[in-house]
Amino acid sequence: MAHDYDLSDAQFFCGRDFKFQHGVYPPVLRKSHLPKATLDNNRTLVFWFPPKDNAYPTMHSYAQSGSSVVPNGGVATDLDYGHVATFGVYLPFPAGFKGRAWYDFDHWPVVGLPASGSILAPGLANGHYHAWPGTDAQHPVTDSHRQMLMQVVAYAMNHPPL
C-alpha cells in the first residue's frame, strides 16, 4: 500500500451481500466462510455497508421518546457521501485477517438523557471509528479517514449491492 490509509489495492465486499447488517468484527469474520468470496490473503479487506433506512433514531425522535437509554442518534448516512454508511478495514495476517478499525459515518453518538437535549459526543459529529482490539471506544475521524471513505464510495458507486 502506498501509505497507511490507501485502499486502492484493497478487496471490497458489500456486507449486505453476505447477510451482515452492520459491522463485521474479526471473530465474526473468522467464523464466516464467505462462500461467495475469494479472498486474497495478501490484500487489505474492506467490508462496506450502504445506508439503511431508520437504522438509527434522529436526535429529535430520541429526545421526544422519553427513553432513559442513551442510543446513537443522527443521520441515515453521511451527509456528504450517500453511498456508504459504514465500513471496516482488515489487514492481511498469517492466520487470516486482523481487524484494523470500523468506521461509522451513519450516526452521531450522543451523551446525556433526553432532558439534556441529546448532546453530541464531543468531536464525533463528523463520523467516528472503533479501533481494534478495544472496539468500545469511539474516536473522531480525520481527513485521512475521509480519504478512505472516498475510496470506498468510489468503489460502491460502481459496484452497487446485490
N, C-alpha and C. Protein backbone atom coordinates (compact mmCIF):
# COMPACT_ATOMS: atom_id res chain seq x y z
N MET A 1 0.84 -1.18 0.00
CA MET A 1 0.00 0.00 0.00
C MET A 1 0.88 1.24 0.00
N ALA A 2 0.43 2.26 -0.70
CA ALA A 2 1.22 3.48 -0.81
C ALA A 2 1.47 4.12 0.55
N HIS A 3 0.46 4.17 1.37
CA HIS A 3 0.61 4.65 2.74
C HIS A 3 -0.52 4.07 3.58
N ASP A 4 -0.50 4.36 4.84
CA ASP A 4 -1.42 3.74 5.79
C ASP A 4 -2.90 3.77 5.41
N TYR A 5 -3.34 4.83 4.76
CA TYR A 5 -4.77 5.00 4.53
C TYR A 5 -5.16 4.78 3.08
N ASP A 6 -4.31 4.18 2.29
CA ASP A 6 -4.59 3.95 0.88
C ASP A 6 -5.28 2.60 0.72
N LEU A 7 -6.49 2.62 0.17
CA LEU A 7 -7.25 1.38 -0.05
C LEU A 7 -7.31 1.02 -1.53
N SER A 8 -6.48 1.64 -2.35
CA SER A 8 -6.58 1.44 -3.79
C SER A 8 -6.34 -0.01 -4.22
N ASP A 9 -5.62 -0.78 -3.43
CA ASP A 9 -5.35 -2.18 -3.79
C ASP A 9 -6.16 -3.16 -2.93
N ALA A 10 -7.16 -2.65 -2.20
CA ALA A 10 -7.94 -3.50 -1.30
C ALA A 10 -8.98 -4.32 -2.06
N GLN A 11 -9.43 -5.37 -1.41
CA GLN A 11 -10.59 -6.13 -1.88
C GLN A 11 -11.82 -5.54 -1.18
N PHE A 12 -12.87 -5.26 -1.93
CA PHE A 12 -14.08 -4.66 -1.37
C PHE A 12 -15.23 -5.65 -1.46
N PHE A 13 -15.97 -5.76 -0.35
CA PHE A 13 -17.16 -6.60 -0.33
C PHE A 13 -18.28 -5.84 0.37
N CYS A 14 -19.48 -5.95 -0.19
CA CYS A 14 -20.63 -5.35 0.48
C CYS A 14 -21.13 -6.33 1.53
N GLY A 15 -21.14 -5.89 2.78
CA GLY A 15 -21.57 -6.76 3.87
C GLY A 15 -22.97 -7.29 3.69
N ARG A 16 -23.84 -6.49 3.08
CA ARG A 16 -25.23 -6.92 2.89
C ARG A 16 -25.30 -8.16 2.00
N ASP A 17 -24.37 -8.29 1.05
CA ASP A 17 -24.36 -9.47 0.18
C ASP A 17 -24.10 -10.76 0.97
N PHE A 18 -23.50 -10.61 2.15
CA PHE A 18 -23.18 -11.77 2.98
C PHE A 18 -24.10 -11.87 4.19
N LYS A 19 -25.20 -11.13 4.14
CA LYS A 19 -26.22 -11.12 5.21
C LYS A 19 -25.72 -10.45 6.49
N PHE A 20 -24.64 -9.68 6.39
CA PHE A 20 -24.21 -8.88 7.53
C PHE A 20 -25.01 -7.60 7.54
N GLN A 21 -25.42 -7.15 8.72
CA GLN A 21 -26.25 -5.97 8.82
C GLN A 21 -25.45 -4.69 9.01
N HIS A 22 -24.48 -4.72 9.89
CA HIS A 22 -23.72 -3.51 10.20
C HIS A 22 -22.57 -3.93 11.11
N GLY A 23 -21.39 -3.70 10.66
CA GLY A 23 -20.24 -4.03 11.49
C GLY A 23 -19.89 -5.50 11.41
N VAL A 24 -18.70 -5.80 10.97
CA VAL A 24 -18.21 -7.17 10.93
C VAL A 24 -16.92 -7.19 11.73
N TYR A 25 -17.01 -7.68 12.93
CA TYR A 25 -15.84 -7.70 13.79
C TYR A 25 -15.04 -8.98 13.54
N PRO A 26 -13.73 -8.96 13.82
CA PRO A 26 -12.87 -10.10 13.46
C PRO A 26 -13.40 -11.48 13.88
N PRO A 27 -13.95 -11.67 15.09
CA PRO A 27 -14.45 -13.01 15.40
C PRO A 27 -15.56 -13.47 14.45
N VAL A 28 -16.42 -12.56 14.04
CA VAL A 28 -17.49 -12.90 13.08
C VAL A 28 -16.87 -13.24 11.74
N LEU A 29 -15.91 -12.46 11.33
CA LEU A 29 -15.25 -12.70 10.05
C LEU A 29 -14.55 -14.05 10.05
N ARG A 30 -13.89 -14.41 11.15
CA ARG A 30 -13.20 -15.70 11.22
C ARG A 30 -14.18 -16.87 11.15
N LYS A 31 -15.37 -16.71 11.72
CA LYS A 31 -16.35 -17.79 11.72
C LYS A 31 -17.09 -17.90 10.38
N SER A 32 -17.05 -16.85 9.59
CA SER A 32 -17.76 -16.84 8.32
C SER A 32 -16.87 -17.38 7.22
N HIS A 33 -17.40 -18.26 6.45
CA HIS A 33 -16.62 -18.83 5.36
C HIS A 33 -16.75 -18.00 4.09
N LEU A 34 -17.67 -17.02 4.10
CA LEU A 34 -17.85 -16.13 2.95
C LEU A 34 -17.91 -16.92 1.64
N PRO A 35 -18.94 -17.75 1.48
CA PRO A 35 -18.98 -18.66 0.34
C PRO A 35 -18.94 -17.97 -1.02
N LYS A 36 -19.38 -16.71 -1.11
CA LYS A 36 -19.40 -16.02 -2.40
C LYS A 36 -18.11 -15.25 -2.66
N ALA A 37 -17.15 -15.34 -1.76
CA ALA A 37 -15.96 -14.51 -1.89
C ALA A 37 -14.70 -15.35 -2.05
N THR A 38 -13.82 -14.88 -2.88
CA THR A 38 -12.49 -15.45 -2.98
C THR A 38 -11.55 -14.42 -2.38
N LEU A 39 -11.01 -14.73 -1.21
CA LEU A 39 -10.18 -13.77 -0.50
C LEU A 39 -8.72 -13.91 -0.89
N ASP A 40 -8.08 -12.79 -1.07
CA ASP A 40 -6.65 -12.75 -1.33
C ASP A 40 -5.97 -12.38 -0.01
N ASN A 41 -5.29 -13.33 0.61
CA ASN A 41 -4.71 -13.11 1.94
C ASN A 41 -3.54 -12.14 1.93
N ASN A 42 -3.19 -11.58 0.77
CA ASN A 42 -2.11 -10.61 0.70
C ASN A 42 -2.63 -9.18 0.53
N ARG A 43 -3.93 -9.02 0.49
CA ARG A 43 -4.51 -7.69 0.26
C ARG A 43 -5.42 -7.30 1.42
N THR A 44 -5.49 -5.99 1.66
CA THR A 44 -6.41 -5.46 2.67
C THR A 44 -7.84 -5.78 2.26
N LEU A 45 -8.67 -6.08 3.24
CA LEU A 45 -10.07 -6.42 3.01
C LEU A 45 -10.94 -5.30 3.56
N VAL A 46 -11.93 -4.87 2.79
CA VAL A 46 -12.86 -3.83 3.22
C VAL A 46 -14.28 -4.35 3.07
N PHE A 47 -15.04 -4.32 4.17
CA PHE A 47 -16.47 -4.59 4.11
C PHE A 47 -17.18 -3.26 4.22
N TRP A 48 -18.00 -2.93 3.25
CA TRP A 48 -18.74 -1.67 3.28
C TRP A 48 -20.23 -1.97 3.34
N PHE A 49 -20.96 -1.01 3.88
CA PHE A 49 -22.40 -1.16 4.03
C PHE A 49 -23.11 0.07 3.50
N PRO A 50 -24.17 -0.13 2.71
CA PRO A 50 -24.95 1.01 2.22
C PRO A 50 -25.83 1.55 3.34
N PRO A 51 -26.40 2.74 3.15
CA PRO A 51 -27.30 3.28 4.16
C PRO A 51 -28.48 2.34 4.40
N LYS A 52 -28.99 2.36 5.60
CA LYS A 52 -30.14 1.54 5.96
C LYS A 52 -31.20 2.46 6.56
N ASP A 53 -32.39 2.49 5.96
CA ASP A 53 -33.44 3.37 6.44
C ASP A 53 -33.77 3.10 7.90
N ASN A 54 -33.90 4.18 8.65
CA ASN A 54 -34.31 4.11 10.06
C ASN A 54 -33.37 3.27 10.91
N ALA A 55 -32.10 3.18 10.52
CA ALA A 55 -31.16 2.38 11.30
C ALA A 55 -30.92 2.99 12.67
N TYR A 56 -30.89 4.30 12.72
CA TYR A 56 -30.69 5.00 13.99
C TYR A 56 -31.74 6.07 14.13
N PRO A 57 -32.23 6.30 15.34
CA PRO A 57 -33.21 7.37 15.50
C PRO A 57 -32.54 8.73 15.33
N THR A 58 -33.29 9.69 14.86
CA THR A 58 -32.74 11.04 14.81
C THR A 58 -32.64 11.55 16.24
N MET A 59 -31.84 12.56 16.43
CA MET A 59 -31.70 13.13 17.77
C MET A 59 -33.05 13.67 18.25
N HIS A 60 -33.83 14.24 17.33
CA HIS A 60 -35.13 14.79 17.71
C HIS A 60 -36.06 13.68 18.20
N SER A 61 -36.14 12.58 17.46
CA SER A 61 -37.05 11.49 17.87
C SER A 61 -36.59 10.88 19.19
N TYR A 62 -35.28 10.82 19.39
CA TYR A 62 -34.77 10.31 20.65
C TYR A 62 -35.17 11.22 21.80
N ALA A 63 -35.04 12.52 21.61
CA ALA A 63 -35.39 13.48 22.67
C ALA A 63 -36.88 13.41 22.99
N GLN A 64 -37.70 13.14 21.98
CA GLN A 64 -39.15 13.07 22.18
C GLN A 64 -39.60 11.75 22.81
N SER A 65 -38.77 10.73 22.73
CA SER A 65 -39.20 9.40 23.15
C SER A 65 -39.32 9.25 24.66
N GLY A 66 -38.54 10.03 25.41
CA GLY A 66 -38.56 9.90 26.86
C GLY A 66 -37.77 8.70 27.34
N SER A 67 -37.06 8.03 26.43
CA SER A 67 -36.29 6.85 26.80
C SER A 67 -35.13 7.24 27.72
N SER A 68 -34.82 6.36 28.66
CA SER A 68 -33.67 6.60 29.53
C SER A 68 -32.42 5.92 28.97
N VAL A 69 -32.57 5.21 27.86
CA VAL A 69 -31.43 4.56 27.22
C VAL A 69 -30.76 5.58 26.30
N VAL A 70 -29.45 5.64 26.33
CA VAL A 70 -28.73 6.61 25.50
C VAL A 70 -28.30 5.91 24.21
N PRO A 71 -29.04 6.13 23.12
CA PRO A 71 -28.67 5.47 21.86
C PRO A 71 -27.73 6.36 21.05
N ASN A 72 -27.31 5.83 19.92
CA ASN A 72 -26.68 6.69 18.92
C ASN A 72 -27.82 7.42 18.24
N GLY A 73 -27.57 8.63 17.80
CA GLY A 73 -28.61 9.37 17.10
C GLY A 73 -28.01 10.03 15.90
N GLY A 74 -28.85 10.59 15.08
CA GLY A 74 -28.29 11.37 13.99
C GLY A 74 -28.90 11.12 12.66
N VAL A 75 -28.10 10.70 11.71
CA VAL A 75 -28.48 10.72 10.32
C VAL A 75 -28.56 9.30 9.76
N ALA A 76 -29.23 9.17 8.61
CA ALA A 76 -29.32 7.87 7.96
C ALA A 76 -27.99 7.48 7.34
N THR A 77 -27.25 8.46 6.90
CA THR A 77 -25.94 8.20 6.32
C THR A 77 -25.14 9.48 6.37
N ASP A 78 -23.88 9.39 6.02
CA ASP A 78 -23.03 10.57 5.99
C ASP A 78 -23.66 11.61 5.07
N LEU A 79 -23.71 12.84 5.51
CA LEU A 79 -24.41 13.87 4.74
C LEU A 79 -23.68 14.24 3.45
N ASP A 80 -22.39 14.02 3.37
CA ASP A 80 -21.64 14.39 2.18
C ASP A 80 -21.66 13.31 1.10
N TYR A 81 -21.63 12.05 1.52
CA TYR A 81 -21.50 10.96 0.58
C TYR A 81 -22.54 9.90 0.90
N GLY A 82 -23.58 9.81 0.08
CA GLY A 82 -24.71 8.97 0.42
C GLY A 82 -24.65 7.52 -0.01
N HIS A 83 -23.52 7.02 -0.43
CA HIS A 83 -23.46 5.64 -0.90
C HIS A 83 -23.01 4.66 0.17
N VAL A 84 -22.12 5.09 1.04
CA VAL A 84 -21.54 4.21 2.05
C VAL A 84 -21.88 4.74 3.43
N ALA A 85 -22.49 3.91 4.25
CA ALA A 85 -22.84 4.32 5.60
C ALA A 85 -21.71 4.02 6.58
N THR A 86 -21.07 2.90 6.39
CA THR A 86 -20.09 2.43 7.35
C THR A 86 -19.21 1.38 6.68
N PHE A 87 -17.98 1.22 7.15
CA PHE A 87 -17.13 0.19 6.57
C PHE A 87 -16.07 -0.24 7.57
N GLY A 88 -15.56 -1.45 7.37
CA GLY A 88 -14.50 -2.00 8.21
C GLY A 88 -13.28 -2.32 7.37
N VAL A 89 -12.10 -2.16 7.96
CA VAL A 89 -10.85 -2.45 7.27
C VAL A 89 -10.11 -3.55 8.03
N TYR A 90 -9.67 -4.57 7.29
CA TYR A 90 -8.98 -5.72 7.87
C TYR A 90 -7.66 -5.88 7.14
N LEU A 91 -6.59 -6.08 7.89
CA LEU A 91 -5.26 -6.23 7.30
C LEU A 91 -4.89 -7.69 7.18
N PRO A 92 -4.15 -8.04 6.11
CA PRO A 92 -3.70 -9.43 5.96
C PRO A 92 -2.83 -9.83 7.14
N PHE A 93 -3.02 -11.05 7.56
CA PHE A 93 -2.32 -11.57 8.72
C PHE A 93 -2.03 -13.04 8.42
N PRO A 94 -0.94 -13.62 8.91
CA PRO A 94 -0.64 -15.01 8.58
C PRO A 94 -1.81 -15.98 8.80
N ALA A 95 -2.61 -15.74 9.83
CA ALA A 95 -3.71 -16.66 10.14
C ALA A 95 -5.04 -16.20 9.52
N GLY A 96 -5.02 -15.26 8.62
CA GLY A 96 -6.25 -14.77 8.01
C GLY A 96 -6.24 -13.26 7.91
N PHE A 97 -7.15 -12.61 8.62
CA PHE A 97 -7.21 -11.15 8.61
C PHE A 97 -7.33 -10.63 10.03
N LYS A 98 -6.71 -9.51 10.27
CA LYS A 98 -6.75 -8.87 11.58
C LYS A 98 -7.46 -7.53 11.42
N GLY A 99 -8.42 -7.27 12.29
CA GLY A 99 -9.17 -6.03 12.19
C GLY A 99 -8.30 -4.82 12.47
N ARG A 100 -8.49 -3.78 11.68
CA ARG A 100 -7.81 -2.52 11.93
C ARG A 100 -8.76 -1.56 12.63
N ALA A 101 -9.92 -1.31 11.99
CA ALA A 101 -10.89 -0.40 12.59
C ALA A 101 -12.21 -0.51 11.84
N TRP A 102 -13.25 -0.07 12.53
CA TRP A 102 -14.58 0.04 11.94
C TRP A 102 -14.94 1.51 11.90
N TYR A 103 -15.33 2.02 10.73
CA TYR A 103 -15.58 3.45 10.53
C TYR A 103 -17.07 3.70 10.34
N ASP A 104 -17.66 4.52 11.18
CA ASP A 104 -19.10 4.82 11.12
C ASP A 104 -19.33 6.25 10.64
N PHE A 105 -20.05 6.36 9.54
CA PHE A 105 -20.43 7.67 9.03
C PHE A 105 -21.95 7.80 8.96
N ASP A 106 -22.65 6.91 9.65
CA ASP A 106 -24.11 6.92 9.55
C ASP A 106 -24.81 7.33 10.83
N HIS A 107 -24.08 7.65 11.86
CA HIS A 107 -24.76 8.08 13.09
C HIS A 107 -23.79 8.91 13.95
N TRP A 108 -24.39 9.68 14.81
CA TRP A 108 -23.64 10.55 15.70
C TRP A 108 -23.86 10.10 17.12
N PRO A 109 -22.85 9.66 17.82
CA PRO A 109 -23.03 9.27 19.22
C PRO A 109 -23.48 10.48 20.06
N VAL A 110 -24.40 10.23 20.96
CA VAL A 110 -24.89 11.30 21.84
C VAL A 110 -24.60 10.92 23.28
N VAL A 111 -24.60 11.92 24.13
CA VAL A 111 -24.41 11.71 25.56
C VAL A 111 -25.56 12.38 26.29
N GLY A 112 -25.85 11.89 27.46
CA GLY A 112 -26.89 12.51 28.27
C GLY A 112 -28.26 11.90 28.05
N LEU A 113 -29.15 12.20 28.93
CA LEU A 113 -30.52 11.71 28.86
C LEU A 113 -31.37 12.67 28.03
N PRO A 114 -32.58 12.27 27.63
CA PRO A 114 -33.41 13.15 26.80
C PRO A 114 -33.57 14.56 27.37
N ALA A 115 -33.64 14.68 28.68
CA ALA A 115 -33.82 16.00 29.28
C ALA A 115 -32.63 16.92 29.02
N SER A 116 -31.47 16.32 28.69
CA SER A 116 -30.27 17.13 28.46
C SER A 116 -30.24 17.72 27.05
N GLY A 117 -31.18 17.32 26.23
CA GLY A 117 -31.20 17.82 24.86
C GLY A 117 -30.37 16.98 23.90
N SER A 118 -30.03 15.77 24.29
CA SER A 118 -29.29 14.85 23.41
C SER A 118 -28.04 15.50 22.85
N ILE A 119 -27.08 15.73 23.68
CA ILE A 119 -25.85 16.42 23.30
C ILE A 119 -24.95 15.49 22.49
N LEU A 120 -24.41 15.99 21.40
CA LEU A 120 -23.48 15.20 20.61
C LEU A 120 -22.22 14.90 21.41
N ALA A 121 -21.74 13.69 21.29
CA ALA A 121 -20.47 13.35 21.94
C ALA A 121 -19.39 14.25 21.33
N PRO A 122 -18.56 14.86 22.13
CA PRO A 122 -17.58 15.82 21.63
C PRO A 122 -16.68 15.25 20.53
N GLY A 123 -16.59 15.98 19.42
CA GLY A 123 -15.68 15.62 18.35
C GLY A 123 -16.13 14.51 17.43
N LEU A 124 -17.34 13.97 17.61
CA LEU A 124 -17.73 12.81 16.82
C LEU A 124 -18.82 13.10 15.79
N ALA A 125 -19.19 14.34 15.60
CA ALA A 125 -20.29 14.67 14.70
C ALA A 125 -19.95 14.46 13.23
N ASN A 126 -18.68 14.35 12.90
CA ASN A 126 -18.29 14.12 11.51
C ASN A 126 -17.99 12.66 11.22
N GLY A 127 -18.33 11.79 12.13
CA GLY A 127 -18.04 10.38 11.99
C GLY A 127 -17.09 9.95 13.10
N HIS A 128 -17.03 8.66 13.32
CA HIS A 128 -16.14 8.12 14.34
C HIS A 128 -15.69 6.74 13.91
N TYR A 129 -14.69 6.23 14.63
CA TYR A 129 -14.24 4.87 14.33
C TYR A 129 -13.96 4.12 15.62
N HIS A 130 -13.98 2.80 15.49
CA HIS A 130 -13.70 1.88 16.58
C HIS A 130 -12.46 1.10 16.17
N ALA A 131 -11.36 1.30 16.86
CA ALA A 131 -10.13 0.59 16.53
C ALA A 131 -10.05 -0.72 17.30
N TRP A 132 -9.48 -1.74 16.67
CA TRP A 132 -9.27 -2.99 17.37
C TRP A 132 -7.98 -2.91 18.16
N PRO A 133 -7.91 -3.58 19.29
CA PRO A 133 -8.88 -4.51 19.85
C PRO A 133 -9.95 -3.86 20.73
N GLY A 134 -9.81 -2.63 21.14
CA GLY A 134 -10.77 -2.01 22.06
C GLY A 134 -11.90 -1.33 21.32
N THR A 135 -12.82 -2.10 20.75
CA THR A 135 -13.84 -1.53 19.86
C THR A 135 -14.92 -0.72 20.57
N ASP A 136 -14.96 -0.74 21.89
CA ASP A 136 -15.96 0.07 22.59
C ASP A 136 -15.65 1.56 22.47
N ALA A 137 -14.39 1.92 22.43
CA ALA A 137 -14.01 3.33 22.35
C ALA A 137 -14.35 3.91 20.98
N GLN A 138 -14.83 5.14 20.98
CA GLN A 138 -15.17 5.85 19.75
C GLN A 138 -14.20 7.01 19.58
N HIS A 139 -13.54 7.07 18.42
CA HIS A 139 -12.55 8.10 18.15
C HIS A 139 -13.02 8.95 16.98
N PRO A 140 -12.72 10.25 16.99
CA PRO A 140 -13.13 11.09 15.86
C PRO A 140 -12.34 10.76 14.59
N VAL A 141 -13.02 10.82 13.45
CA VAL A 141 -12.34 10.57 12.17
C VAL A 141 -11.49 11.77 11.79
N THR A 142 -10.51 11.51 10.94
CA THR A 142 -9.61 12.55 10.46
C THR A 142 -9.78 12.70 8.95
N ASP A 143 -9.06 13.62 8.36
CA ASP A 143 -9.08 13.78 6.91
C ASP A 143 -8.59 12.51 6.21
N SER A 144 -7.66 11.81 6.81
CA SER A 144 -7.18 10.55 6.23
C SER A 144 -8.28 9.50 6.19
N HIS A 145 -9.11 9.46 7.24
CA HIS A 145 -10.23 8.52 7.25
C HIS A 145 -11.25 8.91 6.18
N ARG A 146 -11.45 10.21 5.99
CA ARG A 146 -12.35 10.68 4.94
C ARG A 146 -11.80 10.28 3.56
N GLN A 147 -10.50 10.30 3.41
CA GLN A 147 -9.89 9.87 2.15
C GLN A 147 -10.23 8.39 1.90
N MET A 148 -10.16 7.57 2.94
CA MET A 148 -10.54 6.16 2.79
C MET A 148 -12.01 6.05 2.42
N LEU A 149 -12.86 6.86 3.09
CA LEU A 149 -14.30 6.85 2.77
C LEU A 149 -14.51 7.14 1.29
N MET A 150 -13.80 8.10 0.75
CA MET A 150 -13.96 8.43 -0.67
C MET A 150 -13.55 7.27 -1.57
N GLN A 151 -12.54 6.50 -1.17
CA GLN A 151 -12.15 5.34 -1.95
C GLN A 151 -13.23 4.26 -1.89
N VAL A 152 -13.84 4.09 -0.73
CA VAL A 152 -14.91 3.10 -0.59
C VAL A 152 -16.14 3.57 -1.38
N VAL A 153 -16.47 4.85 -1.30
CA VAL A 153 -17.60 5.40 -2.06
C VAL A 153 -17.38 5.20 -3.55
N ALA A 154 -16.18 5.49 -4.04
CA ALA A 154 -15.88 5.32 -5.46
C ALA A 154 -16.12 3.87 -5.89
N TYR A 155 -15.71 2.94 -5.06
CA TYR A 155 -15.96 1.53 -5.37
C TYR A 155 -17.46 1.23 -5.35
N ALA A 156 -18.14 1.68 -4.29
CA ALA A 156 -19.56 1.37 -4.12
C ALA A 156 -20.41 1.95 -5.25
N MET A 157 -20.04 3.10 -5.76
CA MET A 157 -20.80 3.72 -6.85
C MET A 157 -20.78 2.85 -8.10
N ASN A 158 -19.68 2.14 -8.30
CA ASN A 158 -19.55 1.27 -9.50
C ASN A 158 -19.90 -0.18 -9.23
N HIS A 159 -20.16 -0.53 -7.98
CA HIS A 159 -20.50 -1.90 -7.60
C HIS A 159 -21.62 -1.88 -6.57
N PRO A 160 -22.84 -1.53 -6.99
CA PRO A 160 -23.94 -1.47 -6.01
C PRO A 160 -24.21 -2.84 -5.40
N PRO A 161 -24.78 -2.86 -4.19
CA PRO A 161 -25.05 -4.15 -3.54
C PRO A 161 -26.06 -4.96 -4.35
N LEU A 162 -25.98 -6.27 -4.21
CA LEU A 162 -26.89 -7.18 -4.93
C LEU A 162 -28.29 -7.12 -4.36
